[in-house]
Amino acid sequence: MRLRAPRSGFTLIELLVAIGITVLLSGGGLASYN
């Protein structure tokens, strides 16, 4: 079984997920602590 997913789409999803996690960890974490 070989899945050929569009690289641009996968990259966009990964980028959005990474940004979301970063914002949650930095922004949310700092906001909670302060």
C-alpha atoms as a PDB file:
ATOM      1  CA  MET A   1       0.000   0.000   0.000  1.00  0.00           C
ATOM      2  CA  ARG A   2       1.515   3.279  -1.095  1.00  0.00           C
ATOM      3  CA  LEU A   3      -0.129   6.551  -0.168  1.00  0.00           C
ATOM      4  CA  ARG A   4       0.913   9.518  -2.251  1.00  0.00           C
ATOM      5  CA  ALA A   5      -0.243  12.593  -0.426  1.00  0.00           C
ATOM      6  CA  PRO A   6       0.415  16.025  -1.922  1.00  0.00           C
ATOM      7  CA  ARG A   7       3.574  17.394  -0.387  1.00  0.00           C
ATOM      8  CA  SER A   8       2.319  20.986  -0.294  1.00  0.00           C
ATOM      9  CA  GLY A   9      -0.883  19.990   1.490  1.00  0.00           C
ATOM     10  CA  PHE A  10       0.930  17.868   4.060  1.00  0.00           C
ATOM     11  CA  THR A  11       3.444  20.649   4.631  1.00  0.00           C
ATOM     12  CA  LEU A  12       0.633  23.178   5.141  1.00  0.00           C
ATOM     13  CA  ILE A  13      -1.091  20.929   7.671  1.00  0.00           C
ATOM     14  CA  GLU A  14       2.165  20.237   9.499  1.00  0.00           C
ATOM     15  CA  LEU A  15       2.988  23.953   9.519  1.00  0.00           C
ATOM     16  CA  LEU A  16      -0.428  24.847  10.943  1.00  0.00           C
ATOM     17  CA  VAL A  17      -0.134  22.142  13.611  1.00  0.00           C
ATOM     18  CA  ALA A  18       3.394  23.232  14.528  1.00  0.00           C
ATOM     19  CA  ILE A  19       2.353  26.889  14.770  1.00  0.00           C
ATOM     20  CA  GLY A  20      -0.703  25.973  16.848  1.00  0.00           C
ATOM     21  CA  ILE A  21       1.375  23.894  19.271  1.00  0.00           C
ATOM     22  CA  THR A  22       4.009  26.629  19.515  1.00  0.00           C
ATOM     23  CA  VAL A  23       1.395  29.307  20.206  1.00  0.00           C
ATOM     24  CA  LEU A  24      -0.322  27.115  22.795  1.00  0.00           C
ATOM     25  CA  LEU A  25       2.959  26.261  24.517  1.00  0.00           C
ATOM     26  CA  SER A  26       4.488  29.762  24.435  1.00  0.00           C
ATOM     27  CA  GLY A  27       1.442  32.038  24.549  1.00  0.00           C
ATOM     28  CA  GLY A  28      -0.897  29.852  26.601  1.00  0.00           C
ATOM     29  CA  GLY A  29       1.832  28.654  28.949  1.00  0.00           C
ATOM     30  CA  LEU A  30       3.245  32.120  29.572  1.00  0.00           C
ATOM     31  CA  ALA A  31      -0.249  33.595  29.962  1.00  0.00           C
ATOM     32  CA  SER A  32      -1.148  30.914  32.503  1.00  0.00           C
ATOM     33  CA  TYR A  33       2.028  31.443  34.506  1.00  0.00           C
ATOM     34  CA  ASN A  34       1.838  35.230  34.452  1.00  0.00           C
END
